[in-house]
Amino acid sequence: MKIRYFAWLRQRTGCGEEEIALPDGIATVAELAAWLGERHPRFAEALAARGIVRCALNQVYVEPDAAVRDEDEIAFFPPVTGG
């Protein structure tokens, strides 16, 4: 599984992307995000504010209860501002 972090989430995790094997017992985006938060405590801090971080599964925005598979690409995005 490929995990990608964008904008300031990249700084919080210390990487722009990483390849992982989907851990046993992880079936949803929410469970994956919680597991990633254990690996990257500053990412967990960002996730603590519910609704701030968005997630895309295979380039489509999804809700936290979306199912994940080992061959998926998951991307996490902070809020976007424009001007």
PDB file of N, CA and C in Angstrom:
ATOM      1  N   MET A   1       0.841  -1.161   0.000  1.00  0.00           N
ATOM      2  CA  MET A   1       0.000   0.000   0.000  1.00  0.00           C
ATOM      3  C   MET A   1       0.892   1.230   0.000  1.00  0.00           C
ATOM      4  N   LYS A   2       0.505   2.209  -0.801  1.00  0.00           N
ATOM      5  CA  LYS A   2       1.242   3.470  -0.833  1.00  0.00           C
ATOM      6  C   LYS A   2       0.447   4.502  -0.037  1.00  0.00           C
ATOM      7  N   ILE A   3       1.145   5.151   0.890  1.00  0.00           N
ATOM      8  CA  ILE A   3       0.558   6.221   1.690  1.00  0.00           C
ATOM      9  C   ILE A   3       1.239   7.513   1.275  1.00  0.00           C
ATOM     10  N   ARG A   4       0.441   8.554   0.982  1.00  0.00           N
ATOM     11  CA  ARG A   4       0.989   9.851   0.587  1.00  0.00           C
ATOM     12  C   ARG A   4       0.480  10.923   1.540  1.00  0.00           C
ATOM     13  N   TYR A   5       1.376  11.838   1.895  1.00  0.00           N
ATOM     14  CA  TYR A   5       1.049  12.943   2.797  1.00  0.00           C
ATOM     15  C   TYR A   5       1.319  14.255   2.064  1.00  0.00           C
ATOM     16  N   PHE A   6       0.373  15.187   2.138  1.00  0.00           N
ATOM     17  CA  PHE A   6       0.510  16.450   1.426  1.00  0.00           C
ATOM     18  C   PHE A   6       0.602  17.625   2.389  1.00  0.00           C
ATOM     19  N   ALA A   7       1.252  18.707   1.884  1.00  0.00           N
ATOM     20  CA  ALA A   7       1.383  19.998   2.580  1.00  0.00           C
ATOM     21  C   ALA A   7       2.004  19.798   3.959  1.00  0.00           C
ATOM     22  N   TRP A   8       1.442  20.409   4.991  1.00  0.00           N
ATOM     23  CA  TRP A   8       2.075  20.353   6.299  1.00  0.00           C
ATOM     24  C   TRP A   8       1.997  18.979   6.938  1.00  0.00           C
ATOM     25  N   LEU A   9       1.174  18.071   6.419  1.00  0.00           N
ATOM     26  CA  LEU A   9       1.177  16.697   6.925  1.00  0.00           C
ATOM     27  C   LEU A   9       2.504  16.011   6.598  1.00  0.00           C
ATOM     28  N   ARG A  10       3.110  16.407   5.490  1.00  0.00           N
ATOM     29  CA  ARG A  10       4.417  15.875   5.107  1.00  0.00           C
ATOM     30  C   ARG A  10       5.454  16.214   6.186  1.00  0.00           C
ATOM     31  N   GLN A  11       5.418  17.446   6.684  1.00  0.00           N
ATOM     32  CA  GLN A  11       6.362  17.830   7.728  1.00  0.00           C
ATOM     33  C   GLN A  11       6.081  17.083   9.035  1.00  0.00           C
ATOM     34  N   ARG A  12       4.832  16.862   9.315  1.00  0.00           N
ATOM     35  CA  ARG A  12       4.485  16.166  10.567  1.00  0.00           C
ATOM     36  C   ARG A  12       4.907  14.702  10.564  1.00  0.00           C
ATOM     37  N   THR A  13       4.909  14.078   9.408  1.00  0.00           N
ATOM     38  CA  THR A  13       5.305  12.666   9.342  1.00  0.00           C
ATOM     39  C   THR A  13       6.783  12.495   9.027  1.00  0.00           C
ATOM     40  N   GLY A  14       7.385  13.538   8.454  1.00  0.00           N
ATOM     41  CA  GLY A  14       8.787  13.443   8.067  1.00  0.00           C
ATOM     42  C   GLY A  14       8.998  12.774   6.727  1.00  0.00           C
ATOM     43  N   CYS A  15       7.899  12.520   5.991  1.00  0.00           N
ATOM     44  CA  CYS A  15       8.034  11.914   4.662  1.00  0.00           C
ATOM     45  C   CYS A  15       6.839  12.308   3.796  1.00  0.00           C
ATOM     46  N   GLY A  16       7.063  12.326   2.495  1.00  0.00           N
ATOM     47  CA  GLY A  16       5.999  12.637   1.549  1.00  0.00           C
ATOM     48  C   GLY A  16       5.174  11.420   1.188  1.00  0.00           C
ATOM     49  N   GLU A  17       5.815  10.267   1.230  1.00  0.00           N
ATOM     50  CA  GLU A  17       5.101   9.019   0.961  1.00  0.00           C
ATOM     51  C   GLU A  17       5.861   7.859   1.565  1.00  0.00           C
ATOM     52  N   GLU A  18       5.147   6.771   1.759  1.00  0.00           N
ATOM     53  CA  GLU A  18       5.762   5.551   2.265  1.00  0.00           C
ATOM     54  C   GLU A  18       4.989   4.356   1.743  1.00  0.00           C
ATOM     55  N   GLU A  19       5.675   3.258   1.624  1.00  0.00           N
ATOM     56  CA  GLU A  19       5.070   1.991   1.210  1.00  0.00           C
ATOM     57  C   GLU A  19       4.980   1.111   2.446  1.00  0.00           C
ATOM     58  N   ILE A  20       3.792   0.561   2.691  1.00  0.00           N
ATOM     59  CA  ILE A  20       3.614  -0.330   3.836  1.00  0.00           C
ATOM     60  C   ILE A  20       2.833  -1.560   3.392  1.00  0.00           C
ATOM     61  N   ALA A  21       2.932  -2.617   4.164  1.00  0.00           N
ATOM     62  CA  ALA A  21       2.037  -3.760   4.011  1.00  0.00           C
ATOM     63  C   ALA A  21       0.868  -3.488   4.952  1.00  0.00           C
ATOM     64  N   LEU A  22      -0.337  -3.632   4.466  1.00  0.00           N
ATOM     65  CA  LEU A  22      -1.512  -3.365   5.287  1.00  0.00           C
ATOM     66  C   LEU A  22      -1.477  -4.279   6.509  1.00  0.00           C
ATOM     67  N   PRO A  23      -1.460  -3.716   7.701  1.00  0.00           N
ATOM     68  CA  PRO A  23      -1.396  -4.535   8.913  1.00  0.00           C
ATOM     69  C   PRO A  23      -2.659  -5.375   9.103  1.00  0.00           C
ATOM     70  N   ASP A  24      -2.500  -6.527   9.717  1.00  0.00           N
ATOM     71  CA  ASP A  24      -3.652  -7.368  10.044  1.00  0.00           C
ATOM     72  C   ASP A  24      -4.622  -6.586  10.924  1.00  0.00           C
ATOM     73  N   GLY A  25      -5.891  -6.756  10.672  1.00  0.00           N
ATOM     74  CA  GLY A  25      -6.919  -6.123  11.484  1.00  0.00           C
ATOM     75  C   GLY A  25      -7.287  -4.714  11.057  1.00  0.00           C
ATOM     76  N   ILE A  26      -6.609  -4.166  10.062  1.00  0.00           N
ATOM     77  CA  ILE A  26      -6.913  -2.829   9.566  1.00  0.00           C
ATOM     78  C   ILE A  26      -7.787  -2.985   8.327  1.00  0.00           C
ATOM     79  N   ALA A  27      -9.033  -2.486   8.409  1.00  0.00           N
ATOM     80  CA  ALA A  27      -9.972  -2.687   7.307  1.00  0.00           C
ATOM     81  C   ALA A  27     -10.538  -1.393   6.741  1.00  0.00           C
ATOM     82  N   THR A  28     -10.382  -0.263   7.453  1.00  0.00           N
ATOM     83  CA  THR A  28     -10.977   0.993   7.004  1.00  0.00           C
ATOM     84  C   THR A  28      -9.941   2.114   7.025  1.00  0.00           C
ATOM     85  N   VAL A  29     -10.275   3.203   6.367  1.00  0.00           N
ATOM     86  CA  VAL A  29      -9.417   4.386   6.372  1.00  0.00           C
ATOM     87  C   VAL A  29      -9.200   4.865   7.806  1.00  0.00           C
ATOM     88  N   ALA A  30     -10.250   4.890   8.620  1.00  0.00           N
ATOM     89  CA  ALA A  30     -10.130   5.351  10.003  1.00  0.00           C
ATOM     90  C   ALA A  30      -9.160   4.482  10.799  1.00  0.00           C
ATOM     91  N   GLU A  31      -9.258   3.172  10.634  1.00  0.00           N
ATOM     92  CA  GLU A  31      -8.344   2.267  11.345  1.00  0.00           C
ATOM     93  C   GLU A  31      -6.917   2.456  10.865  1.00  0.00           C
ATOM     94  N   LEU A  32      -6.749   2.648   9.566  1.00  0.00           N
ATOM     95  CA  LEU A  32      -5.419   2.886   9.016  1.00  0.00           C
ATOM     96  C   LEU A  32      -4.846   4.190   9.552  1.00  0.00           C
ATOM     97  N   ALA A  33      -5.653   5.242   9.568  1.00  0.00           N
ATOM     98  CA  ALA A  33      -5.190   6.538  10.065  1.00  0.00           C
ATOM     99  C   ALA A  33      -4.765   6.433  11.526  1.00  0.00           C
ATOM    100  N   ALA A  34      -5.520   5.707  12.332  1.00  0.00           N
ATOM    101  CA  ALA A  34      -5.157   5.530  13.742  1.00  0.00           C
ATOM    102  C   ALA A  34      -3.835   4.782  13.859  1.00  0.00           C
ATOM    103  N   TRP A  35      -3.649   3.752  13.050  1.00  0.00           N
ATOM    104  CA  TRP A  35      -2.399   2.991  13.059  1.00  0.00           C
ATOM    105  C   TRP A  35      -1.225   3.871  12.620  1.00  0.00           C
ATOM    106  N   LEU A  36      -1.437   4.669  11.591  1.00  0.00           N
ATOM    107  CA  LEU A  36      -0.387   5.580  11.141  1.00  0.00           C
ATOM    108  C   LEU A  36      -0.063   6.616  12.217  1.00  0.00           C
ATOM    109  N   GLY A  37      -1.077   7.023  12.974  1.00  0.00           N
ATOM    110  CA  GLY A  37      -0.855   7.955  14.068  1.00  0.00           C
ATOM    111  C   GLY A  37       0.042   7.382  15.150  1.00  0.00           C
ATOM    112  N   GLU A  38       0.007   6.076  15.329  1.00  0.00           N
ATOM    113  CA  GLU A  38       0.912   5.423  16.281  1.00  0.00           C
ATOM    114  C   GLU A  38       2.349   5.482  15.775  1.00  0.00           C
ATOM    115  N   ARG A  39       2.525   5.395  14.480  1.00  0.00           N
ATOM    116  CA  ARG A  39       3.862   5.462  13.880  1.00  0.00           C
ATOM    117  C   ARG A  39       4.389   6.884  13.821  1.00  0.00           C
ATOM    118  N   HIS A  40       3.485   7.830  13.614  1.00  0.00           N
ATOM    119  CA  HIS A  40       3.843   9.246  13.461  1.00  0.00           C
ATOM    120  C   HIS A  40       3.010  10.056  14.462  1.00  0.00           C
ATOM    121  N   PRO A  41       3.475  10.234  15.683  1.00  0.00           N
ATOM    122  CA  PRO A  41       2.673  10.931  16.702  1.00  0.00           C
ATOM    123  C   PRO A  41       2.202  12.326  16.281  1.00  0.00           C
ATOM    124  N   ARG A  42       2.979  13.054  15.512  1.00  0.00           N
ATOM    125  CA  ARG A  42       2.541  14.388  15.091  1.00  0.00           C
ATOM    126  C   ARG A  42       1.408  14.294  14.064  1.00  0.00           C
ATOM    127  N   PHE A  43       1.346  13.200  13.306  1.00  0.00           N
ATOM    128  CA  PHE A  43       0.216  12.955  12.413  1.00  0.00           C
ATOM    129  C   PHE A  43      -1.034  12.703  13.258  1.00  0.00           C
ATOM    130  N   ALA A  44      -0.881  11.962  14.340  1.00  0.00           N
ATOM    131  CA  ALA A  44      -1.999  11.712  15.249  1.00  0.00           C
ATOM    132  C   ALA A  44      -2.549  13.022  15.799  1.00  0.00           C
ATOM    133  N   GLU A  45      -1.670  13.977  16.091  1.00  0.00           N
ATOM    134  CA  GLU A  45      -2.116  15.288  16.566  1.00  0.00           C
ATOM    135  C   GLU A  45      -3.005  15.963  15.515  1.00  0.00           C
ATOM    136  N   ALA A  46      -2.611  15.871  14.259  1.00  0.00           N
ATOM    137  CA  ALA A  46      -3.399  16.476  13.182  1.00  0.00           C
ATOM    138  C   ALA A  46      -4.759  15.790  13.058  1.00  0.00           C
ATOM    139  N   LEU A  47      -4.793  14.483  13.259  1.00  0.00           N
ATOM    140  CA  LEU A  47      -6.043  13.732  13.151  1.00  0.00           C
ATOM    141  C   LEU A  47      -6.976  13.996  14.324  1.00  0.00           C
ATOM    142  N   ALA A  48      -6.433  14.455  15.447  1.00  0.00           N
ATOM    143  CA  ALA A  48      -7.242  14.669  16.641  1.00  0.00           C
ATOM    144  C   ALA A  48      -8.349  15.693  16.406  1.00  0.00           C
ATOM    145  N   ALA A  49      -8.106  16.649  15.531  1.00  0.00           N
ATOM    146  CA  ALA A  49      -9.143  17.627  15.183  1.00  0.00           C
ATOM    147  C   ALA A  49      -9.986  17.010  14.069  1.00  0.00           C
ATOM    148  N   ARG A  50     -11.032  16.332  14.443  1.00  0.00           N
ATOM    149  CA  ARG A  50     -11.875  15.600  13.491  1.00  0.00           C
ATOM    150  C   ARG A  50     -12.343  16.497  12.344  1.00  0.00           C
ATOM    151  N   GLY A  51     -12.311  15.935  11.141  1.00  0.00           N
ATOM    152  CA  GLY A  51     -12.806  16.655   9.976  1.00  0.00           C
ATOM    153  C   GLY A  51     -11.799  17.583   9.325  1.00  0.00           C
ATOM    154  N   ILE A  52     -10.626  17.744   9.920  1.00  0.00           N
ATOM    155  CA  ILE A  52      -9.619  18.635   9.345  1.00  0.00           C
ATOM    156  C   ILE A  52      -8.873  17.941   8.206  1.00  0.00           C
ATOM    157  N   VAL A  53      -8.428  16.727   8.428  1.00  0.00           N
ATOM    158  CA  VAL A  53      -7.656  15.986   7.430  1.00  0.00           C
ATOM    159  C   VAL A  53      -8.608  15.202   6.540  1.00  0.00           C
ATOM    160  N   ARG A  54      -8.455  15.372   5.233  1.00  0.00           N
ATOM    161  CA  ARG A  54      -9.255  14.622   4.251  1.00  0.00           C
ATOM    162  C   ARG A  54      -8.436  13.462   3.724  1.00  0.00           C
ATOM    163  N   CYS A  55      -9.114  12.469   3.205  1.00  0.00           N
ATOM    164  CA  CYS A  55      -8.430  11.292   2.691  1.00  0.00           C
ATOM    165  C   CYS A  55      -8.971  10.929   1.315  1.00  0.00           C
ATOM    166  N   ALA A  56      -8.057  10.546   0.440  1.00  0.00           N
ATOM    167  CA  ALA A  56      -8.435  10.036  -0.882  1.00  0.00           C
ATOM    168  C   ALA A  56      -7.954   8.593  -0.980  1.00  0.00           C
ATOM    169  N   LEU A  57      -8.802   7.752  -1.506  1.00  0.00           N
ATOM    170  CA  LEU A  57      -8.512   6.343  -1.738  1.00  0.00           C
ATOM    171  C   LEU A  57      -8.476   6.150  -3.242  1.00  0.00           C
ATOM    172  N   ASN A  58      -7.294   5.823  -3.759  1.00  0.00           N
ATOM    173  CA  ASN A  58      -7.134   5.659  -5.208  1.00  0.00           C
ATOM    174  C   ASN A  58      -7.650   6.895  -5.965  1.00  0.00           C
ATOM    175  N   GLN A  59      -7.298   8.075  -5.440  1.00  0.00           N
ATOM    176  CA  GLN A  59      -7.564   9.378  -6.046  1.00  0.00           C
ATOM    177  C   GLN A  59      -9.032   9.808  -6.013  1.00  0.00           C
ATOM    178  N   VAL A  60      -9.808   9.232  -5.097  1.00  0.00           N
ATOM    179  CA  VAL A  60     -11.201   9.617  -4.903  1.00  0.00           C
ATOM    180  C   VAL A  60     -11.397   9.896  -3.412  1.00  0.00           C
ATOM    181  N   TYR A  61     -11.916  11.089  -3.081  1.00  0.00           N
ATOM    182  CA  TYR A  61     -12.170  11.395  -1.672  1.00  0.00           C
ATOM    183  C   TYR A  61     -13.168  10.398  -1.091  1.00  0.00           C
ATOM    184  N   VAL A  62     -12.869   9.938   0.139  1.00  0.00           N
ATOM    185  CA  VAL A  62     -13.715   8.949   0.795  1.00  0.00           C
ATOM    186  C   VAL A  62     -13.951   9.342   2.256  1.00  0.00           C
ATOM    187  N   GLU A  63     -14.928   8.707   2.846  1.00  0.00           N
ATOM    188  CA  GLU A  63     -15.230   8.869   4.268  1.00  0.00           C
ATOM    189  C   GLU A  63     -14.350   7.909   5.079  1.00  0.00           C
ATOM    190  N   PRO A  64     -14.221   8.154   6.378  1.00  0.00           N
ATOM    191  CA  PRO A  64     -13.354   7.315   7.216  1.00  0.00           C
ATOM    192  C   PRO A  64     -13.744   5.835   7.261  1.00  0.00           C
ATOM    193  N   ASP A  65     -14.995   5.511   6.955  1.00  0.00           N
ATOM    194  CA  ASP A  65     -15.408   4.109   7.017  1.00  0.00           C
ATOM    195  C   ASP A  65     -15.159   3.339   5.707  1.00  0.00           C
ATOM    196  N   ALA A  66     -14.511   3.980   4.735  1.00  0.00           N
ATOM    197  CA  ALA A  66     -14.213   3.312   3.456  1.00  0.00           C
ATOM    198  C   ALA A  66     -13.249   2.153   3.685  1.00  0.00           C
ATOM    199  N   ALA A  67     -13.496   1.049   3.007  1.00  0.00           N
ATOM    200  CA  ALA A  67     -12.646  -0.136   3.119  1.00  0.00           C
ATOM    201  C   ALA A  67     -11.327   0.074   2.385  1.00  0.00           C
ATOM    202  N   VAL A  68     -10.253  -0.472   2.942  1.00  0.00           N
ATOM    203  CA  VAL A  68      -8.933  -0.385   2.312  1.00  0.00           C
ATOM    204  C   VAL A  68      -8.404  -1.792   2.033  1.00  0.00           C
ATOM    205  N   ARG A  69      -7.546  -1.865   0.984  1.00  0.00           N
ATOM    206  CA  ARG A  69      -6.893  -3.120   0.604  1.00  0.00           C
ATOM    207  C   ARG A  69      -5.401  -2.855   0.439  1.00  0.00           C
ATOM    208  N   ASP A  70      -4.633  -3.899   0.456  1.00  0.00           N
ATOM    209  CA  ASP A  70      -3.184  -3.773   0.409  1.00  0.00           C
ATOM    210  C   ASP A  70      -2.684  -3.097  -0.873  1.00  0.00           C
ATOM    211  N   GLU A  71      -3.416  -3.197  -1.959  1.00  0.00           N
ATOM    212  CA  GLU A  71      -2.950  -2.616  -3.228  1.00  0.00           C
ATOM    213  C   GLU A  71      -3.403  -1.166  -3.426  1.00  0.00           C
ATOM    214  N   ASP A  72      -4.057  -0.579  -2.450  1.00  0.00           N
ATOM    215  CA  ASP A  72      -4.576   0.783  -2.571  1.00  0.00           C
ATOM    216  C   ASP A  72      -3.504   1.851  -2.409  1.00  0.00           C
ATOM    217  N   GLU A  73      -3.830   3.046  -2.917  1.00  0.00           N
ATOM    218  CA  GLU A  73      -3.055   4.255  -2.644  1.00  0.00           C
ATOM    219  C   GLU A  73      -3.940   5.154  -1.791  1.00  0.00           C
ATOM    220  N   ILE A  74      -3.405   5.557  -0.652  1.00  0.00           N
ATOM    221  CA  ILE A  74      -4.135   6.410   0.280  1.00  0.00           C
ATOM    222  C   ILE A  74      -3.387   7.730   0.366  1.00  0.00           C
ATOM    223  N   ALA A  75      -4.110   8.842   0.248  1.00  0.00           N
ATOM    224  CA  ALA A  75      -3.502  10.159   0.348  1.00  0.00           C
ATOM    225  C   ALA A  75      -4.233  10.973   1.409  1.00  0.00           C
ATOM    226  N   PHE A  76      -3.454  11.637   2.260  1.00  0.00           N
ATOM    227  CA  PHE A  76      -4.020  12.484   3.310  1.00  0.00           C
ATOM    228  C   PHE A  76      -3.731  13.942   2.989  1.00  0.00           C
ATOM    229  N   PHE A  77      -4.765  14.790   3.097  1.00  0.00           N
ATOM    230  CA  PHE A  77      -4.680  16.205   2.750  1.00  0.00           C
ATOM    231  C   PHE A  77      -5.168  17.060   3.906  1.00  0.00           C
ATOM    232  N   PRO A  78      -4.462  18.140   4.200  1.00  0.00           N
ATOM    233  CA  PRO A  78      -5.000  19.127   5.141  1.00  0.00           C
ATOM    234  C   PRO A  78      -6.004  20.009   4.406  1.00  0.00           C
ATOM    235  N   PRO A  79      -6.698  20.878   5.131  1.00  0.00           N
ATOM    236  CA  PRO A  79      -7.614  21.805   4.455  1.00  0.00           C
ATOM    237  C   PRO A  79      -6.864  22.649   3.436  1.00  0.00           C
ATOM    238  N   VAL A  80      -7.527  22.977   2.359  1.00  0.00           N
ATOM    239  CA  VAL A  80      -6.921  23.777   1.310  1.00  0.00           C
ATOM    240  C   VAL A  80      -7.518  25.172   1.364  1.00  0.00           C
ATOM    241  N   THR A  81      -6.658  26.159   1.284  1.00  0.00           N
ATOM    242  CA  THR A  81      -7.155  27.528   1.214  1.00  0.00           C
ATOM    243  C   THR A  81      -6.711  28.121  -0.106  1.00  0.00           C
ATOM    244  N   GLY A  82      -7.425  29.064  -0.566  1.00  0.00           N
ATOM    245  CA  GLY A  82      -7.065  29.668  -1.839  1.00  0.00           C
ATOM    246  C   GLY A  82      -7.224  31.174  -1.775  1.00  0.00           C
ATOM    247  N   GLY A  83      -6.864  31.769  -2.846  1.00  0.00           N
ATOM    248  CA  GLY A  83      -6.994  33.208  -2.841  1.00  0.00           C
ATOM    249  C   GLY A  83      -6.713  33.761  -4.209  1.00  0.00           C
TER     250      GLY A  83
END
